[in-house]
Amino acid sequence: MYGVASVQKNCALDQRYDQLNAVDGGCYFNLKAGNHQVIGTSSMFPDTAQRDAAIAATMSCGVSTEVRNAG
């Protein structure tokens, strides 16, 4: 429960994201709390454009309290 609240609190803040590159050429991001602890790690993306789009989506939708079934 606290993990969800932490994501909601931090996801809208640009400085909470670390944009990272994997050794194999993919890229991903970590979302960090105010104490710099990683609270979320994305899946691997083939390029920075897709990673950045996922960050933008997380920033805008992550604060929502609505829970939906993705299926």
N, C-alpha and C. Protein backbone atom coordinates (compact mmCIF):
# COMPACT_ATOMS: atom_id res chain seq x y z
N MET A 1 0.82 -1.19 0.00
CA MET A 1 0.00 0.00 0.00
C MET A 1 0.87 1.26 0.00
N TYR A 2 1.93 1.27 0.79
CA TYR A 2 2.79 2.45 0.83
C TYR A 2 3.54 2.63 -0.48
N GLY A 3 3.82 1.53 -1.18
CA GLY A 3 4.51 1.62 -2.47
C GLY A 3 3.68 2.38 -3.49
N VAL A 4 2.40 2.08 -3.54
CA VAL A 4 1.51 2.77 -4.48
C VAL A 4 1.45 4.25 -4.14
N ALA A 5 1.30 4.57 -2.88
CA ALA A 5 1.23 5.97 -2.46
C ALA A 5 2.53 6.70 -2.79
N SER A 6 3.65 6.03 -2.65
CA SER A 6 4.94 6.64 -2.96
C SER A 6 5.06 6.93 -4.45
N VAL A 7 4.61 6.00 -5.28
CA VAL A 7 4.62 6.24 -6.73
C VAL A 7 3.72 7.41 -7.07
N GLN A 8 2.53 7.44 -6.50
CA GLN A 8 1.61 8.55 -6.77
C GLN A 8 2.21 9.88 -6.36
N LYS A 9 2.92 9.90 -5.26
CA LYS A 9 3.51 11.14 -4.75
C LYS A 9 4.68 11.62 -5.61
N ASN A 10 5.47 10.71 -6.14
CA ASN A 10 6.72 11.07 -6.80
C ASN A 10 6.68 11.06 -8.33
N CYS A 11 5.71 10.41 -8.92
CA CYS A 11 5.74 10.20 -10.37
C CYS A 11 5.58 11.47 -11.20
N ALA A 12 5.01 12.50 -10.65
CA ALA A 12 4.80 13.73 -11.42
C ALA A 12 6.02 14.66 -11.40
N LEU A 13 7.07 14.27 -10.68
CA LEU A 13 8.26 15.11 -10.53
C LEU A 13 9.37 14.64 -11.44
N ASP A 14 9.75 15.45 -12.40
CA ASP A 14 10.76 15.09 -13.40
C ASP A 14 12.07 14.63 -12.77
N GLN A 15 12.48 15.29 -11.69
CA GLN A 15 13.77 14.97 -11.07
C GLN A 15 13.78 13.60 -10.40
N ARG A 16 12.65 12.93 -10.30
CA ARG A 16 12.59 11.61 -9.67
C ARG A 16 12.92 10.47 -10.65
N TYR A 17 13.15 10.79 -11.91
CA TYR A 17 13.41 9.77 -12.92
C TYR A 17 14.89 9.72 -13.29
N ASP A 18 15.42 8.51 -13.30
CA ASP A 18 16.75 8.26 -13.85
C ASP A 18 16.55 7.56 -15.18
N GLN A 19 17.04 8.17 -16.24
CA GLN A 19 16.95 7.59 -17.57
C GLN A 19 18.24 6.83 -17.82
N LEU A 20 18.11 5.53 -18.04
CA LEU A 20 19.27 4.65 -18.07
C LEU A 20 19.36 3.89 -19.39
N ASN A 21 20.59 3.50 -19.74
CA ASN A 21 20.84 2.70 -20.93
C ASN A 21 21.42 1.37 -20.50
N ALA A 22 20.91 0.29 -21.09
CA ALA A 22 21.39 -1.05 -20.79
C ALA A 22 22.59 -1.37 -21.68
N VAL A 23 23.35 -2.35 -21.25
CA VAL A 23 24.55 -2.76 -21.98
C VAL A 23 24.18 -3.26 -23.38
N ASP A 24 23.03 -3.91 -23.52
CA ASP A 24 22.64 -4.48 -24.80
C ASP A 24 22.03 -3.47 -25.78
N GLY A 25 21.99 -2.21 -25.40
CA GLY A 25 21.47 -1.18 -26.29
C GLY A 25 20.06 -0.73 -25.98
N GLY A 26 19.34 -1.44 -25.15
CA GLY A 26 18.01 -1.01 -24.76
C GLY A 26 18.12 0.12 -23.73
N CYS A 27 16.98 0.62 -23.33
CA CYS A 27 16.97 1.67 -22.32
C CYS A 27 15.75 1.51 -21.43
N TYR A 28 15.83 2.10 -20.25
CA TYR A 28 14.77 1.97 -19.26
C TYR A 28 14.87 3.14 -18.29
N PHE A 29 13.97 3.18 -17.31
CA PHE A 29 14.05 4.23 -16.30
C PHE A 29 13.74 3.67 -14.93
N ASN A 30 14.27 4.34 -13.94
CA ASN A 30 13.94 4.10 -12.54
C ASN A 30 13.20 5.32 -12.02
N LEU A 31 12.20 5.08 -11.21
CA LEU A 31 11.50 6.13 -10.48
C LEU A 31 11.99 6.06 -9.05
N LYS A 32 12.41 7.19 -8.51
CA LYS A 32 12.95 7.23 -7.16
C LYS A 32 12.09 8.10 -6.24
N ALA A 33 12.11 7.73 -4.98
CA ALA A 33 11.43 8.51 -3.94
C ALA A 33 12.32 9.69 -3.56
N GLY A 34 11.82 10.55 -2.72
CA GLY A 34 12.58 11.71 -2.27
C GLY A 34 13.86 11.35 -1.55
N ASN A 35 13.93 10.14 -0.97
CA ASN A 35 15.15 9.69 -0.28
C ASN A 35 16.10 8.95 -1.23
N HIS A 36 15.82 9.01 -2.52
CA HIS A 36 16.62 8.42 -3.60
C HIS A 36 16.50 6.91 -3.70
N GLN A 37 15.59 6.31 -2.97
CA GLN A 37 15.36 4.87 -3.07
C GLN A 37 14.54 4.59 -4.33
N VAL A 38 14.94 3.57 -5.09
CA VAL A 38 14.19 3.18 -6.29
C VAL A 38 12.86 2.57 -5.86
N ILE A 39 11.78 3.12 -6.37
CA ILE A 39 10.44 2.62 -6.05
C ILE A 39 9.78 1.99 -7.27
N GLY A 40 10.42 2.09 -8.42
CA GLY A 40 9.89 1.46 -9.62
C GLY A 40 10.93 1.42 -10.72
N THR A 41 10.93 0.34 -11.48
CA THR A 41 11.81 0.18 -12.63
C THR A 41 10.96 -0.22 -13.81
N SER A 42 11.14 0.45 -14.92
CA SER A 42 10.34 0.17 -16.11
C SER A 42 10.82 -1.10 -16.80
N SER A 43 10.06 -1.51 -17.77
CA SER A 43 10.52 -2.58 -18.66
C SER A 43 11.57 -1.99 -19.60
N MET A 44 12.19 -2.82 -20.40
CA MET A 44 13.21 -2.39 -21.35
C MET A 44 12.53 -1.87 -22.62
N PHE A 45 13.05 -0.77 -23.14
CA PHE A 45 12.55 -0.17 -24.38
C PHE A 45 13.64 -0.22 -25.44
N PRO A 46 13.25 -0.34 -26.71
CA PRO A 46 14.27 -0.43 -27.77
C PRO A 46 14.95 0.90 -28.07
N ASP A 47 14.32 2.01 -27.70
CA ASP A 47 14.94 3.31 -27.99
C ASP A 47 14.49 4.35 -26.97
N THR A 48 15.20 5.46 -26.97
CA THR A 48 14.93 6.51 -25.98
C THR A 48 13.58 7.18 -26.20
N ALA A 49 13.12 7.23 -27.43
CA ALA A 49 11.82 7.87 -27.70
C ALA A 49 10.70 7.11 -27.00
N GLN A 50 10.74 5.79 -27.05
CA GLN A 50 9.70 4.99 -26.39
C GLN A 50 9.85 5.07 -24.87
N ARG A 51 11.08 5.07 -24.38
CA ARG A 51 11.29 5.23 -22.94
C ARG A 51 10.75 6.57 -22.46
N ASP A 52 11.06 7.64 -23.19
CA ASP A 52 10.62 8.97 -22.81
C ASP A 52 9.10 9.10 -22.86
N ALA A 53 8.47 8.42 -23.83
CA ALA A 53 7.01 8.42 -23.91
C ALA A 53 6.41 7.70 -22.70
N ALA A 54 7.06 6.64 -22.27
CA ALA A 54 6.58 5.91 -21.09
C ALA A 54 6.73 6.76 -19.82
N ILE A 55 7.80 7.52 -19.73
CA ILE A 55 7.97 8.43 -18.60
C ILE A 55 6.86 9.48 -18.60
N ALA A 56 6.58 10.04 -19.76
CA ALA A 56 5.52 11.05 -19.86
C ALA A 56 4.17 10.46 -19.46
N ALA A 57 3.90 9.23 -19.88
CA ALA A 57 2.64 8.59 -19.52
C ALA A 57 2.58 8.32 -18.02
N THR A 58 3.69 7.91 -17.44
CA THR A 58 3.75 7.66 -16.00
C THR A 58 3.54 8.95 -15.23
N MET A 59 4.14 10.02 -15.71
CA MET A 59 4.00 11.31 -15.04
C MET A 59 2.55 11.79 -15.04
N SER A 60 1.84 11.56 -16.14
CA SER A 60 0.47 12.07 -16.22
C SER A 60 -0.57 11.12 -15.62
N CYS A 61 -0.33 9.83 -15.70
CA CYS A 61 -1.34 8.87 -15.24
C CYS A 61 -1.04 8.27 -13.87
N GLY A 62 0.19 8.34 -13.43
CA GLY A 62 0.59 7.70 -12.19
C GLY A 62 -0.04 8.27 -10.94
N VAL A 63 -0.49 9.49 -11.00
CA VAL A 63 -1.10 10.12 -9.82
C VAL A 63 -2.55 9.68 -9.62
N SER A 64 -3.12 9.01 -10.59
CA SER A 64 -4.51 8.60 -10.53
C SER A 64 -4.75 7.61 -9.39
N THR A 65 -5.91 7.70 -8.80
CA THR A 65 -6.31 6.73 -7.78
C THR A 65 -7.26 5.70 -8.36
N GLU A 66 -7.59 5.82 -9.64
CA GLU A 66 -8.47 4.87 -10.31
C GLU A 66 -7.69 3.60 -10.63
N VAL A 67 -8.31 2.45 -10.34
CA VAL A 67 -7.71 1.16 -10.64
C VAL A 67 -8.55 0.50 -11.71
N ARG A 68 -7.89 0.11 -12.81
CA ARG A 68 -8.61 -0.53 -13.92
C ARG A 68 -7.93 -1.83 -14.28
N ASN A 69 -8.68 -2.76 -14.79
CA ASN A 69 -8.15 -4.02 -15.30
C ASN A 69 -7.62 -3.76 -16.70
N ALA A 70 -6.37 -4.06 -16.93
CA ALA A 70 -5.74 -3.82 -18.24
C ALA A 70 -6.18 -4.85 -19.26
N GLY A 71 -6.85 -5.91 -18.87
CA GLY A 71 -7.24 -6.99 -19.77
C GLY A 71 -8.48 -6.71 -20.44
